[in-house]
Protein backbone atom coordinates (compact mmCIF):
# COMPACT_ATOMS: atom_id res chain seq x y z
CA MET A 1 -5.13 10.88 15.44
CA SER A 2 -7.81 8.70 14.65
CA ALA A 3 -6.27 5.38 13.72
CA ARG A 4 -3.37 4.09 12.70
CA VAL A 5 -2.70 2.84 9.23
CA VAL A 6 0.86 0.72 8.17
CA LEU A 7 1.68 2.32 4.58
CA GLY A 8 4.70 -0.29 2.79
CA VAL A 9 5.99 1.15 -0.28
CA SER A 10 7.64 -1.44 -2.66
CA GLY A 11 10.41 -1.40 -6.14
CA ALA A 12 6.94 -1.55 -8.21
CA SER A 13 6.47 1.48 -10.83
CA GLY A 14 3.85 3.37 -9.75
CA ALA A 15 5.84 5.46 -7.10
CA MET A 16 2.93 7.74 -7.00
CA LEU A 17 0.24 5.59 -5.62
CA ALA A 18 1.90 5.29 -2.26
CA ARG A 19 2.34 8.91 -2.40
CA ASP A 20 -1.74 9.55 -3.06
CA CYS A 21 -2.47 6.91 -0.16
CA ALA A 22 0.03 9.30 2.40
CA ARG A 23 -1.80 12.49 1.02
CA LEU A 24 -5.19 10.94 1.94
CA LEU A 25 -4.74 9.27 5.03
CA HIS A 26 -3.02 12.18 6.76
CA ARG A 27 -5.61 14.38 5.16
CA LEU A 28 -8.20 11.90 6.89
CA GLY A 29 -6.28 12.32 10.23
CA ALA A 30 -5.14 9.00 10.38
CA GLY A 31 -1.46 8.07 11.89
CA VAL A 32 1.05 6.59 9.26
CA ASP A 33 3.96 4.01 10.09
CA LEU A 34 5.48 4.14 6.90
CA VAL A 35 8.13 1.46 5.70
CA ILE A 36 9.96 1.68 2.37
CA SER A 37 12.05 -0.86 0.64
CA PRO A 38 15.58 -0.44 -0.94
CA MET A 39 14.17 -0.28 -4.42
CA ALA A 40 11.09 1.64 -3.58
CA ARG A 41 13.74 4.23 -2.88
CA ARG A 42 15.18 4.02 -6.30
CA THR A 43 11.82 4.00 -8.06
CA LEU A 44 10.10 7.46 -5.87
CA ALA A 45 13.42 9.37 -7.26
CA GLU A 46 12.92 8.10 -10.79
CA GLU A 47 9.10 8.77 -10.50
CA LEU A 48 8.43 11.31 -9.05
CA GLY A 49 12.07 13.17 -8.36
CA PRO A 50 15.03 13.56 -5.67
CA ASP A 51 12.34 14.94 -2.94
CA ALA A 52 9.68 12.08 -3.14
CA GLU A 53 10.88 10.08 -0.39
CA ALA A 54 11.64 12.90 1.78
CA GLU A 55 7.51 14.44 1.16
CA LEU A 56 6.39 10.71 1.67
CA CYS A 57 8.45 10.64 5.24
CA ALA A 58 6.68 14.02 6.03
CA LEU A 59 3.50 12.90 5.84
CA ALA A 60 4.04 10.10 7.95
CA ASN A 61 3.94 9.88 11.85
CA ARG A 62 6.72 7.15 12.01
CA CYS A 63 9.83 5.93 9.19
CA HIS A 64 10.93 2.47 9.70
CA GLU A 65 13.50 1.01 8.41
CA ILE A 66 13.19 -2.37 6.28
CA ARG A 67 15.77 -4.10 7.84
CA ASP A 68 14.28 -2.96 11.53
CA LEU A 69 12.37 -6.63 12.38
CA GLY A 70 12.07 -5.31 15.83
CA ALA A 71 10.02 -2.47 14.95
CA SER A 72 7.15 -1.88 16.25
CA ILE A 73 4.76 -2.59 13.50
CA ALA A 74 6.43 -5.89 13.50
CA SER A 75 4.06 -7.02 16.20
CA GLY A 76 0.54 -7.93 16.30
CA SER A 77 0.28 -5.88 19.97
CA TYR A 78 0.78 -2.90 17.78
CA PRO A 79 -2.57 -1.69 17.37
CA VAL A 80 -3.05 -0.44 13.30
CA ALA A 81 -6.18 -0.63 11.28
CA GLY A 82 -4.71 -2.11 8.42
CA MET A 83 -2.04 -1.98 6.27
CA ILE A 84 -1.50 -0.81 2.80
CA VAL A 85 1.36 -1.54 -0.06
CA ALA A 86 1.16 0.44 -2.71
CA PRO A 87 2.58 -0.55 -5.07
CA CYS A 88 3.02 -3.96 -4.33
CA SER A 89 5.80 -5.62 -5.94
CA MET A 90 5.57 -8.74 -7.53
CA ARG A 91 8.62 -9.97 -5.22
CA SER A 92 6.71 -8.29 -2.12
CA LEU A 93 3.30 -10.41 -3.38
CA ALA A 94 5.50 -13.79 -3.33
CA ALA A 95 6.85 -13.22 0.36
CA ILE A 96 3.69 -12.31 1.50
CA ALA A 97 2.07 -15.12 -0.02
CA GLN A 98 4.05 -17.19 1.35
CA GLY A 99 4.67 -16.01 4.84
CA LEU A 100 8.71 -15.18 4.17
CA ASP A 101 8.92 -12.44 6.68
CA ASP A 102 12.42 -11.62 6.05
CA THR A 103 12.14 -7.71 5.71
CA LEU A 104 9.65 -5.43 8.45
CA LEU A 105 7.70 -4.09 5.25
CA THR A 106 6.43 -8.39 4.95
CA ARG A 107 6.76 -8.98 8.41
CA ALA A 108 4.30 -6.03 8.66
CA ALA A 109 1.61 -7.36 6.17
CA GLY A 110 2.03 -10.98 7.76
CA VAL A 111 1.15 -9.64 10.89
CA GLN A 112 -2.03 -7.79 9.04
CA LEU A 113 -2.93 -11.21 8.12
CA LYS A 114 -2.55 -13.76 11.37
CA GLU A 115 -4.47 -10.54 13.17
CA ARG A 116 -7.40 -10.94 10.48
CA ARG A 117 -6.91 -7.21 9.73
CA PRO A 118 -7.21 -5.45 5.79
CA LEU A 119 -4.19 -5.66 4.07
CA ILE A 120 -3.99 -4.21 0.57
CA LEU A 121 -1.86 -4.70 -1.95
CA LEU A 122 -1.83 -2.77 -5.41
CA ALA A 123 -0.14 -5.34 -7.03
CA ARG A 124 1.68 -3.80 -10.10
CA GLU A 125 2.48 -5.78 -12.91
CA ALA A 126 1.89 -6.88 -16.80
CA PRO A 127 1.08 -9.01 -17.80
CA LEU A 128 1.15 -11.58 -15.12
CA THR A 129 2.85 -15.11 -15.06
CA LEU A 130 1.24 -18.23 -13.34
CA ALA A 131 2.83 -17.38 -10.50
CA HIS A 132 2.45 -14.34 -10.04
CA LEU A 133 -1.70 -15.61 -10.31
CA ARG A 134 -1.34 -18.45 -7.68
CA ASN A 135 0.96 -15.89 -5.40
CA MET A 136 -2.57 -13.59 -5.61
CA THR A 137 -4.87 -16.73 -4.78
CA ALA A 138 -2.88 -17.22 -1.54
CA ALA A 139 -2.81 -13.98 0.02
CA THR A 140 -6.37 -13.70 -0.81
CA GLU A 141 -7.13 -17.35 0.86
CA MET A 142 -5.22 -15.73 3.57
CA GLY A 143 -7.66 -12.65 3.83
CA ALA A 144 -5.76 -9.79 1.73
CA VAL A 145 -7.47 -7.95 -0.45
CA ILE A 146 -5.42 -7.86 -4.14
CA LEU A 147 -6.71 -4.25 -5.67
CA PRO A 148 -4.46 -3.41 -9.17
CA PRO A 149 -3.82 -0.28 -10.27
CA VAL A 150 -6.47 -0.16 -12.67
CA PRO A 151 -7.85 3.34 -13.55
CA ALA A 152 -11.57 3.97 -13.25
CA PHE A 153 -11.61 4.86 -17.09
CA TYR A 154 -16.03 5.48 -16.53
CA LEU A 155 -14.97 8.57 -15.04
CA ARG A 156 -13.11 10.03 -17.63
CA PRO A 157 -9.77 11.20 -15.95
CA ALA A 158 -8.48 13.74 -17.02
CA SER A 159 -4.34 13.22 -15.95
CA LEU A 160 -2.58 10.05 -14.63
CA ALA A 161 -2.77 12.18 -11.44
CA GLU A 162 -6.40 12.36 -11.34
CA ALA A 163 -6.35 8.56 -11.97
CA SER A 164 -4.03 7.50 -9.18
CA ALA A 165 -5.69 9.54 -6.84
CA GLN A 166 -8.91 7.67 -7.61
CA ILE A 167 -6.81 4.04 -7.27
CA ALA A 168 -5.51 5.48 -3.78
CA ALA A 169 -8.75 6.65 -2.24
CA ARG A 170 -10.29 2.74 -3.02
CA ALA A 171 -7.52 1.71 -1.41
CA VAL A 172 -7.86 3.67 1.62
CA ASP A 173 -11.47 3.14 1.59
CA LEU A 174 -10.97 -0.49 1.42
CA LEU A 175 -9.56 0.22 5.67
CA ARG A 176 -13.26 1.71 6.44
CA LEU A 177 -11.45 5.08 8.30
CA ALA A 178 -14.18 7.55 7.42
CA GLY A 179 -16.95 7.10 4.78
CA PRO A 180 -15.80 6.93 0.99
CA THR A 181 -13.55 9.21 -0.50
CA ALA A 182 -13.38 7.33 -3.64
CA THR A 183 -15.56 9.40 -6.74
CA PRO A 184 -18.57 6.77 -6.95
CA TRP A 185 -19.44 5.79 -10.31
CA CYS A 186 -22.90 7.26 -10.91
CA PRO A 187 -24.21 6.68 -14.29
CA ALA A 188 -26.60 9.05 -16.35
């Protein structure tokens, strides 16, 4: 195993993004520490089916309970290459931006920021309020990368699954664990 990565899954729509990130990290040989919010559990089941959470946990090396603030990933001494929150709800974004470490997901994100490690937030909401934009700015100023899951239309994805896989690849690429995995834009 080359590196460990924290994968946080919050309750915004876009559960397939979490699954695609986990699949790619697994394929790259990265160890995955997974933490899923209660609303993410519901969204996984509603968007991907009743076995989605089990599939996600099977791709992880460790599944952490959201309330376990004493878990290894809550400490800066636990070595990880970074964290992806996919999808990232506006509630999770707000907590991260304001340093509200009230769950293991938001605490682990705060640890990435304080340790100056990559924190990639696939912020999922539309349209955005001024509060959302300010929280994105605050998180960015602290070092997070806001990566809205916007499809790469120029690649002409044939399906939502293709678009999601490309977005997940871009998120994983930002951790710089290996060479690029996302399909690049190559003009004719």
